[in-house]
PDB file of all heavy atoms in Angstrom:
ATOM      1  N   GLY A   1     -15.669  16.083  -5.841  1.00  0.00           N
ATOM      2  CA  GLY A   1     -15.809  17.461  -6.154  1.00  0.00           C
ATOM      3  C   GLY A   1     -17.119  17.650  -6.865  1.00  0.00           C
ATOM      4  O   GLY A   1     -17.671  16.774  -7.511  1.00  0.00           O
ATOM      5  N   GLY A   2     -17.648  18.870  -6.758  1.00  0.00           N
ATOM      6  CA  GLY A   2     -18.952  19.200  -7.367  1.00  0.00           C
ATOM      7  C   GLY A   2     -20.039  18.195  -7.025  1.00  0.00           C
ATOM      8  O   GLY A   2     -20.286  17.975  -5.823  1.00  0.00           O
ATOM      9  N   ASP A   3     -20.556  17.507  -8.015  1.00  0.00           N
ATOM     10  CA  ASP A   3     -21.616  16.489  -7.781  1.00  0.00           C
ATOM     11  C   ASP A   3     -21.081  15.104  -8.144  1.00  0.00           C
ATOM     12  O   ASP A   3     -21.907  14.293  -8.551  1.00  0.00           O
ATOM     13  CB  ASP A   3     -22.892  16.870  -8.524  1.00  0.00           C
ATOM     14  CG  ASP A   3     -22.766  16.941 -10.040  1.00  0.00           C
ATOM     15  OD1 ASP A   3     -21.585  16.872 -10.521  1.00  0.00           O
ATOM     16  OD2 ASP A   3     -23.749  17.042 -10.727  1.00  0.00           O
ATOM     17  N   GLU A   4     -19.793  14.894  -8.021  1.00  0.00           N
ATOM     18  CA  GLU A   4     -19.204  13.613  -8.289  1.00  0.00           C
ATOM     19  C   GLU A   4     -18.814  12.883  -7.003  1.00  0.00           C
ATOM     20  O   GLU A   4     -18.209  13.460  -6.139  1.00  0.00           O
ATOM     21  CB  GLU A   4     -17.966  13.730  -9.179  1.00  0.00           C
ATOM     22  CG  GLU A   4     -18.273  13.982 -10.648  1.00  0.00           C
ATOM     23  CD  GLU A   4     -17.067  13.831 -11.526  1.00  0.00           C
ATOM     24  OE1 GLU A   4     -15.925  13.705 -11.017  1.00  0.00           O
ATOM     25  OE2 GLU A   4     -17.313  13.882 -12.755  1.00  0.00           O
ATOM     26  N   PHE A   5     -19.133  11.629  -6.966  1.00  0.00           N
ATOM     27  CA  PHE A   5     -18.815  10.801  -5.807  1.00  0.00           C
ATOM     28  C   PHE A   5     -18.100   9.540  -6.291  1.00  0.00           C
ATOM     29  O   PHE A   5     -18.122   9.151  -7.464  1.00  0.00           O
ATOM     30  CB  PHE A   5     -20.097  10.353  -5.094  1.00  0.00           C
ATOM     31  CG  PHE A   5     -20.855  11.521  -4.448  1.00  0.00           C
ATOM     32  CD1 PHE A   5     -21.789  12.210  -5.209  1.00  0.00           C
ATOM     33  CD2 PHE A   5     -20.541  11.936  -3.151  1.00  0.00           C
ATOM     34  CE1 PHE A   5     -22.465  13.311  -4.645  1.00  0.00           C
ATOM     35  CE2 PHE A   5     -21.233  13.012  -2.621  1.00  0.00           C
ATOM     36  CZ  PHE A   5     -22.196  13.715  -3.366  1.00  0.00           C
ATOM     37  N   CYS A   6     -17.417   8.899  -5.374  1.00  0.00           N
ATOM     38  CA  CYS A   6     -16.677   7.667  -5.687  1.00  0.00           C
ATOM     39  C   CYS A   6     -16.814   6.687  -4.520  1.00  0.00           C
ATOM     40  O   CYS A   6     -16.935   7.105  -3.367  1.00  0.00           O
ATOM     41  CB  CYS A   6     -15.182   8.027  -5.900  1.00  0.00           C
ATOM     42  SG  CYS A   6     -14.162   6.620  -6.433  1.00  0.00           S
ATOM     43  N   VAL A   7     -16.828   5.440  -4.835  1.00  0.00           N
ATOM     44  CA  VAL A   7     -16.840   4.326  -3.852  1.00  0.00           C
ATOM     45  C   VAL A   7     -15.732   3.403  -4.181  1.00  0.00           C
ATOM     46  O   VAL A   7     -15.508   3.028  -5.322  1.00  0.00           O
ATOM     47  CB  VAL A   7     -18.177   3.604  -3.858  1.00  0.00           C
ATOM     48  CG1 VAL A   7     -18.143   2.382  -2.995  1.00  0.00           C
ATOM     49  CG2 VAL A   7     -19.299   4.540  -3.382  1.00  0.00           C
ATOM     50  N   VAL A   8     -15.010   2.981  -3.130  1.00  0.00           N
ATOM     51  CA  VAL A   8     -13.855   2.040  -3.312  1.00  0.00           C
ATOM     52  C   VAL A   8     -14.151   0.878  -2.336  1.00  0.00           C
ATOM     53  O   VAL A   8     -14.481   1.143  -1.172  1.00  0.00           O
ATOM     54  CB  VAL A   8     -12.516   2.685  -2.963  1.00  0.00           C
ATOM     55  CG1 VAL A   8     -11.411   1.654  -2.954  1.00  0.00           C
ATOM     56  CG2 VAL A   8     -12.200   3.790  -3.960  1.00  0.00           C
ATOM     57  N   ALA A   9     -14.066  -0.342  -2.853  1.00  0.00           N
ATOM     58  CA  ALA A   9     -14.285  -1.500  -2.001  1.00  0.00           C
ATOM     59  C   ALA A   9     -13.489  -2.690  -2.466  1.00  0.00           C
ATOM     60  O   ALA A   9     -13.372  -2.893  -3.674  1.00  0.00           O
ATOM     61  CB  ALA A   9     -15.792  -1.880  -2.025  1.00  0.00           C
ATOM     62  N   GLN A  10     -12.918  -3.440  -1.530  1.00  0.00           N
ATOM     63  CA  GLN A  10     -12.273  -4.678  -1.829  1.00  0.00           C
ATOM     64  C   GLN A  10     -13.364  -5.744  -1.572  1.00  0.00           C
ATOM     65  O   GLN A  10     -13.646  -6.081  -0.448  1.00  0.00           O
ATOM     66  CB  GLN A  10     -11.058  -4.859  -0.950  1.00  0.00           C
ATOM     67  CG  GLN A  10     -10.059  -5.787  -1.585  1.00  0.00           C
ATOM     68  CD  GLN A  10      -8.628  -5.520  -1.036  1.00  0.00           C
ATOM     69  OE1 GLN A  10      -8.423  -4.749  -0.149  1.00  0.00           O
ATOM     70  NE2 GLN A  10      -7.690  -6.174  -1.679  1.00  0.00           N
ATOM     71  N   ILE A  11     -13.937  -6.180  -2.701  1.00  0.00           N
ATOM     72  CA  ILE A  11     -15.197  -6.961  -2.648  1.00  0.00           C
ATOM     73  C   ILE A  11     -15.286  -7.844  -3.851  1.00  0.00           C
ATOM     74  O   ILE A  11     -14.671  -7.578  -4.867  1.00  0.00           O
ATOM     75  CB  ILE A  11     -16.322  -5.930  -2.552  1.00  0.00           C
ATOM     76  CG1 ILE A  11     -17.683  -6.524  -2.166  1.00  0.00           C
ATOM     77  CG2 ILE A  11     -16.497  -5.180  -3.856  1.00  0.00           C
ATOM     78  CD1 ILE A  11     -18.684  -5.466  -1.778  1.00  0.00           C
ATOM     79  N   GLY A  12     -16.072  -8.898  -3.762  1.00  0.00           N
ATOM     80  CA  GLY A  12     -16.290  -9.759  -4.913  1.00  0.00           C
ATOM     81  C   GLY A  12     -17.130  -9.093  -6.000  1.00  0.00           C
ATOM     82  O   GLY A  12     -17.823  -8.123  -5.745  1.00  0.00           O
ATOM     83  N   ILE A  13     -17.113  -9.670  -7.214  1.00  0.00           N
ATOM     84  CA  ILE A  13     -17.789  -9.031  -8.356  1.00  0.00           C
ATOM     85  C   ILE A  13     -19.323  -8.969  -8.085  1.00  0.00           C
ATOM     86  O   ILE A  13     -19.922  -7.947  -8.318  1.00  0.00           O
ATOM     87  CB  ILE A  13     -17.444  -9.731  -9.663  1.00  0.00           C
ATOM     88  CG1 ILE A  13     -15.962  -9.427 -10.009  1.00  0.00           C
ATOM     89  CG2 ILE A  13     -18.370  -9.295 -10.789  1.00  0.00           C
ATOM     90  CD1 ILE A  13     -15.488 -10.101 -11.203  1.00  0.00           C
ATOM     91  N   ARG A  14     -19.903 -10.104  -7.670  1.00  0.00           N
ATOM     92  CA  ARG A  14     -21.356 -10.088  -7.403  1.00  0.00           C
ATOM     93  C   ARG A  14     -21.725  -9.067  -6.309  1.00  0.00           C
ATOM     94  O   ARG A  14     -22.656  -8.310  -6.479  1.00  0.00           O
ATOM     95  CB  ARG A  14     -21.799 -11.508  -7.048  1.00  0.00           C
ATOM     96  CG  ARG A  14     -23.302 -11.550  -6.803  1.00  0.00           C
ATOM     97  CD  ARG A  14     -23.797 -12.970  -6.638  1.00  0.00           C
ATOM     98  NE  ARG A  14     -23.984 -13.506  -7.990  1.00  0.00           N
ATOM     99  CZ  ARG A  14     -23.569 -14.713  -8.383  1.00  0.00           C
ATOM    100  NH1 ARG A  14     -22.932 -15.490  -7.551  1.00  0.00           N
ATOM    101  NH2 ARG A  14     -23.791 -15.142  -9.558  1.00  0.00           N
ATOM    102  N   ALA A  15     -21.004  -9.100  -5.263  1.00  0.00           N
ATOM    103  CA  ALA A  15     -21.255  -8.138  -4.174  1.00  0.00           C
ATOM    104  C   ALA A  15     -20.977  -6.692  -4.626  1.00  0.00           C
ATOM    105  O   ALA A  15     -21.631  -5.802  -4.217  1.00  0.00           O
ATOM    106  CB  ALA A  15     -20.437  -8.420  -2.930  1.00  0.00           C
ATOM    107  N   GLY A  16     -19.963  -6.529  -5.508  1.00  0.00           N
ATOM    108  CA  GLY A  16     -19.659  -5.212  -6.047  1.00  0.00           C
ATOM    109  C   GLY A  16     -20.812  -4.661  -6.866  1.00  0.00           C
ATOM    110  O   GLY A  16     -21.162  -3.508  -6.786  1.00  0.00           O
ATOM    111  N   ASP A  17     -21.421  -5.516  -7.738  1.00  0.00           N
ATOM    112  CA  ASP A  17     -22.536  -5.078  -8.554  1.00  0.00           C
ATOM    113  C   ASP A  17     -23.690  -4.673  -7.625  1.00  0.00           C
ATOM    114  O   ASP A  17     -24.335  -3.672  -7.866  1.00  0.00           O
ATOM    115  CB  ASP A  17     -23.029  -6.224  -9.432  1.00  0.00           C
ATOM    116  CG  ASP A  17     -22.050  -6.474 -10.601  1.00  0.00           C
ATOM    117  OD1 ASP A  17     -21.220  -5.588 -10.863  1.00  0.00           O
ATOM    118  OD2 ASP A  17     -22.082  -7.586 -11.156  1.00  0.00           O
ATOM    119  N   GLN A  18     -23.937  -5.412  -6.560  1.00  0.00           N
ATOM    120  CA  GLN A  18     -24.980  -5.074  -5.610  1.00  0.00           C
ATOM    121  C   GLN A  18     -24.685  -3.774  -4.901  1.00  0.00           C
ATOM    122  O   GLN A  18     -25.571  -2.890  -4.713  1.00  0.00           O
ATOM    123  CB  GLN A  18     -25.223  -6.152  -4.595  1.00  0.00           C
ATOM    124  CG  GLN A  18     -26.303  -5.897  -3.582  1.00  0.00           C
ATOM    125  CD  GLN A  18     -27.670  -5.574  -4.210  1.00  0.00           C
ATOM    126  OE1 GLN A  18     -28.089  -6.264  -5.128  1.00  0.00           O
ATOM    127  NE2 GLN A  18     -28.322  -4.568  -3.777  1.00  0.00           N
ATOM    128  N   LEU A  19     -23.453  -3.569  -4.521  1.00  0.00           N
ATOM    129  CA  LEU A  19     -23.021  -2.360  -3.873  1.00  0.00           C
ATOM    130  C   LEU A  19     -23.242  -1.141  -4.767  1.00  0.00           C
ATOM    131  O   LEU A  19     -23.747  -0.082  -4.322  1.00  0.00           O
ATOM    132  CB  LEU A  19     -21.548  -2.442  -3.463  1.00  0.00           C
ATOM    133  CG  LEU A  19     -20.976  -1.191  -2.763  1.00  0.00           C
ATOM    134  CD1 LEU A  19     -21.636  -0.963  -1.418  1.00  0.00           C
ATOM    135  CD2 LEU A  19     -19.497  -1.307  -2.639  1.00  0.00           C
ATOM    136  N   VAL A  20     -22.902  -1.247  -6.020  1.00  0.00           N
ATOM    137  CA  VAL A  20     -23.091  -0.149  -6.993  1.00  0.00           C
ATOM    138  C   VAL A  20     -24.620   0.152  -7.175  1.00  0.00           C
ATOM    139  O   VAL A  20     -25.006   1.309  -7.146  1.00  0.00           O
ATOM    140  CB  VAL A  20     -22.436  -0.451  -8.335  1.00  0.00           C
ATOM    141  CG1 VAL A  20     -22.868   0.545  -9.426  1.00  0.00           C
ATOM    142  CG2 VAL A  20     -20.912  -0.426  -8.178  1.00  0.00           C
ATOM    143  N   ARG A  21     -25.395  -0.881  -7.262  1.00  0.00           N
ATOM    144  CA  ARG A  21     -26.893  -0.655  -7.372  1.00  0.00           C
ATOM    145  C   ARG A  21     -27.379   0.057  -6.111  1.00  0.00           C
ATOM    146  O   ARG A  21     -28.234   1.010  -6.252  1.00  0.00           O
ATOM    147  CB  ARG A  21     -27.618  -2.006  -7.614  1.00  0.00           C
ATOM    148  CG  ARG A  21     -27.527  -2.520  -9.005  1.00  0.00           C
ATOM    149  CD  ARG A  21     -28.493  -3.651  -9.249  1.00  0.00           C
ATOM    150  NE  ARG A  21     -28.255  -4.831  -8.478  1.00  0.00           N
ATOM    151  CZ  ARG A  21     -27.391  -5.808  -8.737  1.00  0.00           C
ATOM    152  NH1 ARG A  21     -26.666  -5.719  -9.838  1.00  0.00           N
ATOM    153  NH2 ARG A  21     -27.262  -6.847  -7.966  1.00  0.00           N
ATOM    154  N   SER A  22     -26.935  -0.344  -4.963  1.00  0.00           N
ATOM    155  CA  SER A  22     -27.388   0.316  -3.718  1.00  0.00           C
ATOM    156  C   SER A  22     -26.882   1.772  -3.665  1.00  0.00           C
ATOM    157  O   SER A  22     -27.596   2.631  -3.236  1.00  0.00           O
ATOM    158  CB  SER A  22     -26.805  -0.470  -2.516  1.00  0.00           C
ATOM    159  OG  SER A  22     -27.379  -1.787  -2.460  1.00  0.00           O
ATOM    160  N   ALA A  23     -25.670   2.022  -4.116  1.00  0.00           N
ATOM    161  CA  ALA A  23     -25.144   3.369  -4.174  1.00  0.00           C
ATOM    162  C   ALA A  23     -25.968   4.261  -5.116  1.00  0.00           C
ATOM    163  O   ALA A  23     -26.210   5.429  -4.805  1.00  0.00           O
ATOM    164  CB  ALA A  23     -23.685   3.351  -4.580  1.00  0.00           C
ATOM    165  N   VAL A  24     -26.384   3.693  -6.269  1.00  0.00           N
ATOM    166  CA  VAL A  24     -27.204   4.471  -7.210  1.00  0.00           C
ATOM    167  C   VAL A  24     -28.491   4.862  -6.521  1.00  0.00           C
ATOM    168  O   VAL A  24     -28.945   6.024  -6.692  1.00  0.00           O
ATOM    169  CB  VAL A  24     -27.427   3.651  -8.511  1.00  0.00           C
ATOM    170  CG1 VAL A  24     -28.537   4.273  -9.372  1.00  0.00           C
ATOM    171  CG2 VAL A  24     -26.122   3.534  -9.304  1.00  0.00           C
ATOM    172  N   LEU A  25     -29.097   3.938  -5.822  1.00  0.00           N
ATOM    173  CA  LEU A  25     -30.367   4.262  -5.115  1.00  0.00           C
ATOM    174  C   LEU A  25     -30.154   5.332  -4.046  1.00  0.00           C
ATOM    175  O   LEU A  25     -30.972   6.161  -3.813  1.00  0.00           O
ATOM    176  CB  LEU A  25     -30.984   2.988  -4.507  1.00  0.00           C
ATOM    177  CG  LEU A  25     -31.571   2.014  -5.470  1.00  0.00           C
ATOM    178  CD1 LEU A  25     -32.016   0.748  -4.780  1.00  0.00           C
ATOM    179  CD2 LEU A  25     -32.724   2.637  -6.237  1.00  0.00           C
ATOM    180  N   ALA A  26     -28.993   5.232  -3.340  1.00  0.00           N
ATOM    181  CA  ALA A  26     -28.676   6.195  -2.296  1.00  0.00           C
ATOM    182  C   ALA A  26     -28.478   7.605  -2.867  1.00  0.00           C
ATOM    183  O   ALA A  26     -28.730   8.633  -2.196  1.00  0.00           O
ATOM    184  CB  ALA A  26     -27.413   5.792  -1.517  1.00  0.00           C
ATOM    185  N   LEU A  27     -28.031   7.693  -4.133  1.00  0.00           N
ATOM    186  CA  LEU A  27     -27.759   8.995  -4.761  1.00  0.00           C
ATOM    187  C   LEU A  27     -28.943   9.432  -5.626  1.00  0.00           C
ATOM    188  O   LEU A  27     -28.802  10.192  -6.562  1.00  0.00           O
ATOM    189  CB  LEU A  27     -26.501   8.919  -5.569  1.00  0.00           C
ATOM    190  CG  LEU A  27     -25.219   8.750  -4.791  1.00  0.00           C
ATOM    191  CD1 LEU A  27     -24.041   8.517  -5.680  1.00  0.00           C
ATOM    192  CD2 LEU A  27     -24.972   9.989  -3.903  1.00  0.00           C
ATOM    193  N   THR A  28     -30.155   8.914  -5.324  1.00  0.00           N
ATOM    194  CA  THR A  28     -31.351   9.250  -6.078  1.00  0.00           C
ATOM    195  C   THR A  28     -32.334   9.888  -5.125  1.00  0.00           C
ATOM    196  O   THR A  28     -32.562   9.392  -4.038  1.00  0.00           O
ATOM    197  CB  THR A  28     -31.942   7.970  -6.695  1.00  0.00           C
ATOM    198  OG1 THR A  28     -30.982   7.370  -7.548  1.00  0.00           O
ATOM    199  CG2 THR A  28     -33.190   8.268  -7.483  1.00  0.00           C
ATOM    200  N   ASP A  29     -32.955  10.977  -5.576  1.00  0.00           N
ATOM    201  CA  ASP A  29     -33.988  11.637  -4.738  1.00  0.00           C
ATOM    202  C   ASP A  29     -34.885  12.386  -5.685  1.00  0.00           C
ATOM    203  O   ASP A  29     -34.540  12.683  -6.823  1.00  0.00           O
ATOM    204  CB  ASP A  29     -33.301  12.619  -3.763  1.00  0.00           C
ATOM    205  CG  ASP A  29     -34.180  12.978  -2.603  1.00  0.00           C
ATOM    206  OD1 ASP A  29     -35.340  12.542  -2.558  1.00  0.00           O
ATOM    207  OD2 ASP A  29     -33.684  13.738  -1.719  1.00  0.00           O
ATOM    208  N   ALA A  30     -36.122  12.662  -5.214  1.00  0.00           N
ATOM    209  CA  ALA A  30     -37.085  13.379  -6.061  1.00  0.00           C
ATOM    210  C   ALA A  30     -38.016  14.108  -5.110  1.00  0.00           C
ATOM    211  O   ALA A  30     -38.246  13.772  -3.970  1.00  0.00           O
ATOM    212  CB  ALA A  30     -37.789  12.400  -6.935  1.00  0.00           C
ATOM    213  N   GLY A  31     -38.618  15.138  -5.713  1.00  0.00           N
ATOM    214  CA  GLY A  31     -39.618  15.937  -5.000  1.00  0.00           C
ATOM    215  C   GLY A  31     -40.556  16.529  -6.047  1.00  0.00           C
ATOM    216  O   GLY A  31     -40.527  16.170  -7.238  1.00  0.00           O
ATOM    217  N   GLU A  32     -41.381  17.431  -5.625  1.00  0.00           N
ATOM    218  CA  GLU A  32     -42.345  18.065  -6.539  1.00  0.00           C
ATOM    219  C   GLU A  32     -41.618  18.872  -7.619  1.00  0.00           C
ATOM    220  O   GLU A  32     -41.002  19.880  -7.319  1.00  0.00           O
ATOM    221  CB  GLU A  32     -43.329  18.977  -5.769  1.00  0.00           C
ATOM    222  CG  GLU A  32     -44.472  19.387  -6.627  1.00  0.00           C
ATOM    223  CD  GLU A  32     -45.524  20.166  -5.772  1.00  0.00           C
ATOM    224  OE1 GLU A  32     -45.736  19.798  -4.626  1.00  0.00           O
ATOM    225  OE2 GLU A  32     -46.100  21.133  -6.351  1.00  0.00           O
ATOM    226  N   GLY A  33     -41.690  18.407  -8.840  1.00  0.00           N
ATOM    227  CA  GLY A  33     -41.075  19.137  -9.977  1.00  0.00           C
ATOM    228  C   GLY A  33     -39.571  18.909 -10.138  1.00  0.00           C
ATOM    229  O   GLY A  33     -38.972  19.573 -10.970  1.00  0.00           O
ATOM    230  N   TRP A  34     -38.954  17.999  -9.434  1.00  0.00           N
ATOM    231  CA  TRP A  34     -37.527  17.730  -9.605  1.00  0.00           C
ATOM    232  C   TRP A  34     -37.196  16.278  -9.303  1.00  0.00           C
ATOM    233  O   TRP A  34     -37.916  15.647  -8.565  1.00  0.00           O
ATOM    234  CB  TRP A  34     -36.678  18.643  -8.698  1.00  0.00           C
ATOM    235  CG  TRP A  34     -36.908  18.453  -7.228  1.00  0.00           C
ATOM    236  CD1 TRP A  34     -37.849  19.047  -6.471  1.00  0.00           C
ATOM    237  CD2 TRP A  34     -36.163  17.604  -6.410  1.00  0.00           C
ATOM    238  NE1 TRP A  34     -37.771  18.633  -5.184  1.00  0.00           N
ATOM    239  CE2 TRP A  34     -36.732  17.692  -5.114  1.00  0.00           C
ATOM    240  CE3 TRP A  34     -35.122  16.707  -6.545  1.00  0.00           C
ATOM    241  CZ2 TRP A  34     -36.250  17.011  -3.993  1.00  0.00           C
ATOM    242  CZ3 TRP A  34     -34.648  15.998  -5.466  1.00  0.00           C
ATOM    243  CH2 TRP A  34     -35.213  16.155  -4.215  1.00  0.00           C
TER     244      TRP A  34
END
């Protein structure tokens, strides 16, 4: 809802940490002044 997202995965802890880092990058964007 709104600007909240969720990810669910049956995955190992190391792979889970990498998945979260990748998701953070996917939810990042920038442009002129924002």
